[in-house]
Amino acid sequence: MNILLLTSEFAPVTGGIGTYAREIATAATALGADVTVAAPGYGKDNTAEDRRLPFEVRRYQGGLHSMRDLPSKIMLARRLVGSERYDLVHGADWPFFIPVALSRGLTQARIMMTVHGTEINETQTPLKRLAIRCAGVFGPRTTIAANSRYTSELFRRRFTVDTQRIHAIPLGVSDFWFGERQARAVTRAAHGIGADRIVMVTVARITRRKGHLATLSALRTLPQELRGQLTWLVIGPDGEADYVKELRDLAANAGCDIRFIGPLPDQQIRDIYGAADFFCLTGVPESSGRVEGFGLVYLEAGAAGLPSVATDIGGVSDAVVAGRSGLLVSPSPADIARAIARLTENGETRSALAAGAIAHARRLSWKRCAAETYGLTPTTRRDADSASAPLSAIERPAVDPALHINPA
């Protein structure tokens, strides 16, 4: 199978779309497909890094997407789609939906678009809906891949499309996150963390919708004795300046060991996962319409053996199985506090959920995702079982009722 994948985000820029494009292209290549990825160049020479990838990368001029870039993306898509015979043309994210749709007359290839969540709401303005309709973006030749059941249902509500062409295909987790980590004691010593500390880690851009303030509010309600046992490591780049300042100011008086580490390379994050006790990311609803379509970072932490405290918003329940791989709660400080307290105080609960988190992450491989997305044949029994299993079997393994957190 010859696949052309067009993405508006890719390495060296980090982000969910770039991760999706790289990992699904890598997995599809491992399954025998011939993959070409069209990605922005960001004004840099990326040749050395691109040569390390198992698929061809064709860089185009540009960086982070702006609507001003749409005409150039349309010309790019037409040029690439018409340049050779492809079996499948895949728009990995919404900036390429219209360009790919306007190129379909140049090819007999199958057309696919992946929806990730937020862009579904962002395309609801009258002008954008008109452009989508006029371009025939979700026309009869187009298959829609949604990254979670939530995203699939959201798309169904927003667009009138034959449901047979909409497929919920949960994302995967890279083998990297299962890999060897630095010894727990060594990492803790490097960060000046005692062996007796309970370490909670968050990895996300510090932005409103990621809910760092909700986590902090929950911590501030815990008894001082419990707060005194915790170290919270906050990893990720700064987002909105006013939000970051508010978070840091409140953290300084929280009576808890809170450390803002900033962005780190994946290797160091994986080492910190090995030195931590549980993961916590408590996203909150946002009036702008931005949503958490899936939550890949929960799987990455789970692959490293960390159970999660997570809020039940968007598609997070596909990444964190309540009572199986973590504690899934409402986005209220009281419920978040109860979940944090439970994982801080109860080592048996942490161990049980850690085992479930690893098992859930192993079920959701990128090869399984690529096989289901492109109709490829899995190369291992595990990937075949995951790809052929119903969605509920992949994402809803048996739940231990004893591990539920119920609102007061």
Protein backbone atom coordinates (compact mmCIF):
# COMPACT_ATOMS: atom_id res chain seq x y z
CA MET A 1 0.00 0.00 0.00
CA ASN A 2 1.31 3.43 -0.99
CA ILE A 3 0.22 6.10 1.52
CA LEU A 4 0.57 9.88 1.37
CA LEU A 5 0.11 11.51 4.78
CA LEU A 6 -0.08 15.30 5.02
CA THR A 7 0.37 16.98 8.41
CA SER A 8 0.63 20.57 9.60
CA GLU A 9 2.79 19.58 12.59
CA PHE A 10 5.87 17.41 12.83
CA ALA A 11 9.27 17.12 14.50
CA PRO A 12 11.23 19.04 15.64
CA VAL A 13 8.11 20.76 17.01
CA THR A 14 6.55 18.67 19.76
CA GLY A 15 2.81 18.18 20.00
CA GLY A 16 0.04 15.64 19.73
CA ILE A 17 -0.50 15.95 15.97
CA GLY A 18 3.21 15.59 15.25
CA THR A 19 3.39 12.53 17.48
CA TYR A 20 0.37 11.01 15.74
CA ALA A 21 1.84 11.58 12.27
CA ARG A 22 5.25 10.17 13.16
CA GLU A 23 4.01 7.14 15.05
CA ILE A 24 1.29 6.04 12.66
CA ALA A 25 3.69 6.45 9.71
CA THR A 26 6.35 4.41 11.53
CA ALA A 27 3.88 1.68 12.42
CA ALA A 28 2.38 1.54 8.91
CA THR A 29 5.90 1.21 7.46
CA ALA A 30 6.62 -1.66 9.85
CA LEU A 31 3.43 -3.33 8.59
CA GLY A 32 4.69 -3.20 5.02
CA ALA A 33 3.24 0.07 3.69
CA ASP A 34 5.21 2.60 1.64
CA VAL A 35 4.60 5.90 3.46
CA THR A 36 5.42 9.45 2.39
CA VAL A 37 4.88 12.23 4.94
CA ALA A 38 4.51 15.87 3.89
CA ALA A 39 5.49 18.06 6.86
CA PRO A 40 6.46 21.68 7.55
CA GLY A 41 10.15 22.55 7.53
CA TYR A 42 10.01 25.34 10.14
CA GLY A 43 12.76 27.21 8.27
CA LYS A 44 15.37 24.62 9.30
CA ASP A 45 17.43 21.89 7.68
CA ASN A 46 15.85 18.71 9.05
CA THR A 47 17.68 16.33 6.70
CA ALA A 48 19.74 14.52 9.33
CA GLU A 49 16.75 13.85 11.58
CA ASP A 50 14.49 12.85 8.70
CA ARG A 51 16.98 10.28 7.44
CA ARG A 52 16.69 8.41 10.74
CA LEU A 53 12.99 7.81 10.12
CA PRO A 54 11.89 4.62 8.31
CA PHE A 55 9.70 6.55 5.84
CA GLU A 56 10.22 9.40 3.41
CA VAL A 57 9.62 12.95 4.66
CA ARG A 58 9.01 15.75 2.17
CA ARG A 59 9.33 19.11 3.85
CA TYR A 60 7.37 22.12 2.66
CA GLN A 61 7.99 25.76 3.51
CA GLY A 62 6.09 26.86 6.58
CA GLY A 63 5.67 26.51 10.31
CA LEU A 64 2.74 26.59 12.70
CA HIS A 65 -0.46 26.76 10.68
CA SER A 66 -2.28 29.99 9.92
CA MET A 67 -5.33 30.44 7.71
CA ARG A 68 -3.07 32.53 5.48
CA ASP A 69 -1.29 29.27 4.64
CA LEU A 70 -4.38 27.61 3.18
CA PRO A 71 -3.73 28.57 -0.49
CA SER A 72 -0.17 27.24 -0.35
CA LYS A 73 -1.37 24.01 1.29
CA ILE A 74 -3.96 23.57 -1.46
CA MET A 75 -1.25 23.92 -4.13
CA LEU A 76 1.05 21.57 -2.18
CA ALA A 77 -1.61 18.88 -1.84
CA ARG A 78 -2.52 19.06 -5.53
CA ARG A 79 1.14 18.80 -6.53
CA LEU A 80 1.85 15.82 -4.28
CA VAL A 81 -1.40 13.95 -4.93
CA GLY A 82 -0.94 14.30 -8.68
CA SER A 83 2.75 13.39 -8.68
CA GLU A 84 2.37 9.61 -8.34
CA ARG A 85 -0.12 6.83 -7.74
CA TYR A 86 -1.23 6.55 -4.13
CA ASP A 87 -3.60 3.99 -2.68
CA LEU A 88 -4.57 6.24 0.22
CA VAL A 89 -4.26 10.00 0.85
CA HIS A 90 -4.53 10.92 4.52
CA GLY A 91 -5.09 14.39 5.98
CA ALA A 92 -3.66 13.92 9.47
CA ASP A 93 -5.24 17.11 10.85
CA TRP A 94 -7.75 19.78 9.94
CA PRO A 95 -5.43 22.26 8.09
CA PHE A 96 -5.19 19.65 5.30
CA PHE A 97 -8.88 18.73 5.12
CA ILE A 98 -9.80 21.27 2.43
CA PRO A 99 -6.50 20.87 0.50
CA VAL A 100 -6.90 17.07 0.35
CA ALA A 101 -10.58 17.34 -0.58
CA LEU A 102 -9.77 19.71 -3.44
CA SER A 103 -7.14 17.27 -4.73
CA ARG A 104 -9.25 14.13 -4.85
CA GLY A 105 -10.07 14.61 -8.54
CA LEU A 106 -6.40 13.95 -9.30
CA THR A 107 -6.37 10.46 -7.80
CA GLN A 108 -8.37 7.27 -7.44
CA ALA A 109 -6.91 6.79 -3.96
CA ARG A 110 -9.02 6.37 -0.86
CA ILE A 111 -9.34 9.63 1.07
CA MET A 112 -9.05 9.73 4.85
CA MET A 113 -9.26 12.54 7.42
CA THR A 114 -8.39 12.20 11.11
CA VAL A 115 -10.32 14.30 13.63
CA HIS A 116 -8.73 14.86 17.03
CA GLY A 117 -11.44 16.75 18.94
CA THR A 118 -10.90 20.48 19.28
CA GLU A 119 -11.03 21.24 15.56
CA ILE A 120 -14.55 19.81 15.35
CA ASN A 121 -15.84 22.67 17.50
CA GLU A 122 -13.52 25.21 15.92
CA THR A 123 -14.96 24.52 12.44
CA GLN A 124 -18.52 25.41 13.44
CA THR A 125 -18.40 29.07 12.42
CA PRO A 126 -20.66 29.83 9.43
CA LEU A 127 -17.71 30.71 7.18
CA LYS A 128 -15.76 27.53 7.98
CA ARG A 129 -18.83 25.32 7.62
CA LEU A 130 -19.52 26.93 4.23
CA ALA A 131 -15.93 26.28 3.10
CA ILE A 132 -16.11 22.64 4.28
CA ARG A 133 -19.39 22.11 2.47
CA CYS A 134 -18.28 23.80 -0.76
CA ALA A 135 -15.04 21.79 -0.84
CA GLY A 136 -16.91 18.56 -0.15
CA VAL A 137 -14.47 17.78 2.64
CA PHE A 138 -16.51 14.92 4.10
CA GLY A 139 -17.91 13.73 0.79
CA PRO A 140 -18.79 10.11 -0.06
CA ARG A 141 -15.18 9.11 -0.91
CA THR A 142 -13.91 10.22 2.49
CA THR A 143 -13.44 8.04 5.56
CA ILE A 144 -13.20 9.76 8.94
CA ALA A 145 -10.94 8.37 11.66
CA ALA A 146 -11.68 9.71 15.16
CA ASN A 147 -9.10 9.33 17.92
CA SER A 148 -11.65 8.27 20.57
CA ARG A 149 -15.29 7.36 21.01
CA TYR A 150 -15.93 10.83 22.39
CA THR A 151 -14.44 12.48 19.31
CA SER A 152 -16.44 10.16 17.07
CA GLU A 153 -19.71 11.09 18.79
CA LEU A 154 -18.82 14.80 18.75
CA PHE A 155 -18.19 14.62 15.01
CA ARG A 156 -21.49 12.81 14.43
CA ARG A 157 -23.33 15.58 16.29
CA ARG A 158 -21.64 18.39 14.37
CA PHE A 159 -21.67 16.99 10.81
CA THR A 160 -24.22 15.09 8.77
CA VAL A 161 -22.11 12.20 7.54
CA ASP A 162 -22.97 8.55 6.98
CA THR A 163 -22.06 6.89 10.27
CA GLN A 164 -20.62 3.90 8.39
CA ARG A 165 -17.76 6.17 7.29
CA ILE A 166 -16.87 7.33 10.83
CA HIS A 167 -14.53 5.06 12.79
CA ALA A 168 -13.37 5.49 16.38
CA ILE A 169 -9.74 4.31 16.40
CA PRO A 170 -7.95 5.02 19.69
CA LEU A 171 -4.35 6.15 19.47
CA GLY A 172 -1.35 4.04 20.41
CA VAL A 173 1.64 4.35 22.67
CA SER A 174 5.22 4.07 21.44
CA ASP A 175 7.43 1.19 22.55
CA PHE A 176 9.83 3.88 23.77
CA TRP A 177 7.73 4.45 26.90
CA PHE A 178 8.08 0.79 27.89
CA GLY A 179 11.85 1.06 27.57
CA GLU A 180 14.64 0.97 30.11
CA ARG A 181 14.67 3.78 32.65
CA GLN A 182 17.35 5.10 34.94
CA ALA A 183 17.23 3.54 38.39
CA ARG A 184 14.55 5.06 40.62
CA ALA A 185 17.02 5.96 43.36
CA VAL A 186 19.42 7.59 40.90
CA THR A 187 16.73 9.82 39.40
CA ARG A 188 15.39 10.78 42.81
CA ALA A 189 18.88 11.64 44.01
CA ALA A 190 19.47 13.79 40.93
CA HIS A 191 16.36 15.81 41.80
CA GLY A 192 16.98 15.86 45.55
CA ILE A 193 13.90 13.75 46.33
CA GLY A 194 14.00 11.47 49.36
CA ALA A 195 13.19 7.78 49.13
CA ASP A 196 10.20 8.20 51.46
CA ARG A 197 8.48 10.87 49.36
CA ILE A 198 5.33 10.14 47.32
CA VAL A 199 5.96 11.68 43.91
CA MET A 200 3.11 12.87 41.71
CA VAL A 201 4.02 14.00 38.20
CA THR A 202 2.19 16.07 35.59
CA VAL A 203 3.38 16.40 31.99
CA ALA A 204 1.53 19.01 29.93
CA ARG A 205 1.78 22.57 28.70
CA ILE A 206 0.80 24.87 31.57
CA THR A 207 -2.42 26.14 30.08
CA ARG A 208 -5.94 26.61 31.40
CA ARG A 209 -7.59 23.61 29.82
CA LYS A 210 -4.96 21.23 31.23
CA GLY A 211 -6.24 22.01 34.72
CA HIS A 212 -3.07 22.58 36.75
CA LEU A 213 -5.01 25.02 38.96
CA ALA A 214 -7.64 22.35 39.63
CA THR A 215 -4.90 20.01 40.84
CA LEU A 216 -3.39 22.76 42.99
CA SER A 217 -6.79 23.62 44.48
CA ALA A 218 -7.23 19.97 45.37
CA LEU A 219 -3.82 19.79 47.02
CA ARG A 220 -4.57 22.86 49.15
CA THR A 221 -7.61 21.09 50.66
CA LEU A 222 -5.63 18.05 51.81
CA PRO A 223 -4.59 17.73 55.46
CA GLN A 224 -1.17 19.23 56.10
CA GLU A 225 0.22 15.84 57.12
CA LEU A 226 -0.74 14.39 53.75
CA ARG A 227 0.56 17.39 51.81
CA GLY A 228 3.82 17.01 53.66
CA GLN A 229 4.34 13.55 52.12
CA LEU A 230 3.89 14.72 48.53
CA THR A 231 6.25 16.09 45.91
CA TRP A 232 4.53 17.36 42.77
CA LEU A 233 6.72 17.58 39.66
CA VAL A 234 5.23 19.84 36.99
CA ILE A 235 6.84 19.19 33.58
CA GLY A 236 6.04 21.15 30.43
CA PRO A 237 6.39 24.54 28.78
CA ASP A 238 4.54 27.65 29.91
CA GLY A 239 1.26 28.58 28.28
CA GLU A 240 -0.78 31.71 28.99
CA ALA A 241 1.42 34.11 31.00
CA ASP A 242 -1.31 35.23 33.41
CA TYR A 243 -2.33 31.63 34.12
CA VAL A 244 1.26 30.54 34.73
CA LYS A 245 1.83 33.47 37.11
CA GLU A 246 -1.34 32.68 39.08
CA LEU A 247 -0.36 29.02 39.36
CA ARG A 248 3.16 29.80 40.54
CA ASP A 249 2.00 32.40 43.06
CA LEU A 250 -0.53 30.02 44.60
CA ALA A 251 1.92 27.12 44.57
CA ALA A 252 4.39 29.14 46.64
CA ASN A 253 1.92 29.14 49.54
CA ALA A 254 0.40 25.70 49.13
CA GLY A 255 2.31 24.01 51.94
CA CYS A 256 3.46 21.31 49.54
CA ASP A 257 6.71 20.51 47.70
CA ILE A 258 5.84 21.70 44.18
CA ARG A 259 8.53 21.97 41.51
CA PHE A 260 8.17 23.57 38.09
CA ILE A 261 10.72 21.78 35.95
CA GLY A 262 9.82 23.12 32.51
CA PRO A 263 10.01 21.13 29.26
CA LEU A 264 12.22 18.04 29.17
CA PRO A 265 13.27 15.56 26.46
CA ASP A 266 11.35 12.29 26.44
CA GLN A 267 14.27 10.29 27.85
CA GLN A 268 14.34 12.43 31.00
CA ILE A 269 10.55 12.31 31.31
CA ARG A 270 10.67 8.52 31.10
CA ASP A 271 13.30 8.44 33.84
CA ILE A 272 11.13 10.67 36.04
CA TYR A 273 8.16 8.38 35.45
CA GLY A 274 10.32 5.56 36.81
CA ALA A 275 11.02 7.59 39.95
CA ALA A 276 7.40 8.71 40.49
CA ASP A 277 4.44 7.02 42.15
CA PHE A 278 1.51 8.24 40.08
CA PHE A 279 0.56 10.58 37.26
CA CYS A 280 -1.96 13.41 37.57
CA LEU A 281 -3.52 15.54 34.85
CA THR A 282 -6.89 17.07 35.64
CA GLY A 283 -8.15 18.78 32.51
CA VAL A 284 -11.14 21.10 32.82
CA PRO A 285 -13.93 22.09 30.41
CA GLU A 286 -13.14 25.21 28.42
CA SER A 287 -15.69 27.66 27.06
CA SER A 288 -13.66 28.16 23.87
CA GLY A 289 -14.64 24.68 22.71
CA ARG A 290 -11.16 23.19 23.00
CA VAL A 291 -11.42 19.60 24.21
CA GLU A 292 -9.17 16.73 25.19
CA GLY A 293 -9.91 14.36 22.34
CA PHE A 294 -7.95 11.45 23.80
CA GLY A 295 -5.04 12.01 26.21
CA LEU A 296 -1.98 10.18 24.90
CA VAL A 297 0.19 11.29 27.82
CA TYR A 298 -1.84 9.07 30.19
CA LEU A 299 -0.89 6.03 28.11
CA GLU A 300 2.77 7.07 28.03
CA ALA A 301 2.81 7.35 31.83
CA GLY A 302 0.92 4.06 32.09
CA ALA A 303 3.49 2.30 29.89
CA ALA A 304 6.10 3.38 32.43
CA GLY A 305 4.04 1.87 35.24
CA LEU A 306 2.21 4.93 36.57
CA PRO A 307 -1.50 4.90 37.40
CA SER A 308 -3.33 8.16 36.73
CA VAL A 309 -5.57 10.61 38.49
CA ALA A 310 -7.62 12.06 35.62
CA THR A 311 -10.79 14.02 35.09
CA ASP A 312 -13.59 12.52 33.04
CA ILE A 313 -13.73 15.05 30.21
CA GLY A 314 -13.56 14.61 26.44
CA GLY A 315 -12.01 11.34 25.37
CA VAL A 316 -9.91 10.79 28.49
CA SER A 317 -12.00 7.76 29.51
CA ASP A 318 -10.52 5.92 26.52
CA ALA A 319 -6.98 6.60 27.76
CA VAL A 320 -7.67 6.02 31.47
CA VAL A 321 -10.01 3.17 32.40
CA ALA A 322 -11.72 4.00 35.69
CA GLY A 323 -10.79 1.55 38.40
CA ARG A 324 -8.46 -0.32 36.06
CA SER A 325 -5.61 1.98 35.02
CA GLY A 326 -6.38 4.99 37.18
CA LEU A 327 -8.95 7.00 39.10
CA LEU A 328 -11.32 8.93 36.84
CA VAL A 329 -13.20 11.73 38.61
CA SER A 330 -15.20 14.87 37.94
CA PRO A 331 -13.21 18.10 37.44
CA SER A 332 -13.99 19.35 40.95
CA PRO A 333 -11.22 20.03 43.50
CA ALA A 334 -13.02 17.87 46.09
CA ASP A 335 -13.13 14.78 43.87
CA ILE A 336 -9.58 15.34 42.64
CA ALA A 337 -8.40 15.69 46.25
CA ARG A 338 -10.02 12.37 47.23
CA ALA A 339 -8.29 10.60 44.34
CA ILE A 340 -4.89 12.12 45.14
CA ALA A 341 -5.30 11.23 48.80
CA ARG A 342 -6.16 7.65 47.95
CA LEU A 343 -3.12 7.11 45.77
CA THR A 344 -0.87 8.89 48.25
CA GLU A 345 -2.00 6.84 51.22
CA ASN A 346 -2.58 3.41 49.70
CA GLY A 347 0.36 1.58 48.15
CA GLU A 348 -1.76 -1.47 47.31
CA THR A 349 -4.15 0.67 45.27
CA ARG A 350 -1.21 2.23 43.44
CA SER A 351 0.24 -1.20 42.65
CA ALA A 352 -3.06 -2.62 41.40
CA LEU A 353 -3.72 0.37 39.16
CA ALA A 354 -0.11 0.40 37.93
CA ALA A 355 -0.48 -3.17 36.67
CA GLY A 356 -3.71 -2.22 34.93
CA ALA A 357 -2.10 0.89 33.42
CA ILE A 358 0.72 -1.15 31.88
CA ALA A 359 -1.75 -3.73 30.52
CA HIS A 360 -3.99 -1.04 29.01
CA ALA A 361 -1.01 0.68 27.37
CA ARG A 362 0.18 -2.62 25.88
CA ARG A 363 -3.25 -3.21 24.35
CA LEU A 364 -3.14 0.13 22.55
CA SER A 365 -0.12 -0.24 20.28
CA TRP A 366 0.59 2.02 17.30
CA LYS A 367 0.71 -1.03 15.01
CA ARG A 368 -2.82 -1.86 16.08
CA CYS A 369 -3.81 1.77 15.36
CA ALA A 370 -2.14 1.76 11.91
CA ALA A 371 -3.61 -1.63 10.99
CA GLU A 372 -7.12 -0.49 11.85
CA THR A 373 -6.71 2.93 10.24
CA TYR A 374 -5.27 1.77 6.93
CA GLY A 375 -6.61 -1.78 6.68
CA LEU A 376 -3.15 -3.33 7.03
CA THR A 377 -2.35 -6.78 8.38
CA PRO A 378 -0.89 -6.83 11.91
CA THR A 379 2.46 -8.60 12.25
CA THR A 380 2.07 -9.92 15.79
CA ARG A 381 -0.63 -11.86 17.61
CA ARG A 382 -1.01 -9.05 20.15
CA ASP A 383 -1.59 -6.41 17.47
CA ALA A 384 -3.94 -8.73 15.58
CA ASP A 385 -5.99 -9.42 18.69
CA SER A 386 -6.22 -5.70 19.49
CA ALA A 387 -7.09 -4.71 15.93
CA SER A 388 -9.83 -7.33 15.60
CA ALA A 389 -11.33 -6.88 19.05
CA PRO A 390 -14.41 -4.68 19.46
CA LEU A 391 -13.68 -1.21 20.78
CA SER A 392 -15.19 -2.03 24.14
CA ALA A 393 -12.82 -4.95 24.59
CA ILE A 394 -9.79 -2.79 23.88
CA GLU A 395 -10.77 0.18 25.96
CA ARG A 396 -13.00 -1.22 28.65
CA PRO A 397 -11.24 -4.14 30.34
CA ALA A 398 -12.66 -5.50 33.55
CA VAL A 399 -12.99 -2.84 36.24
CA ASP A 400 -12.30 -3.44 39.90
CA PRO A 401 -15.28 -1.84 41.73
CA ALA A 402 -13.13 -1.46 44.84
CA LEU A 403 -11.04 1.13 43.01
CA HIS A 404 -13.84 3.53 42.18
CA ILE A 405 -13.87 7.03 43.60
CA ASN A 406 -17.43 8.17 44.23
CA PRO A 407 -18.40 11.80 44.77
CA ALA A 408 -19.34 12.65 48.31
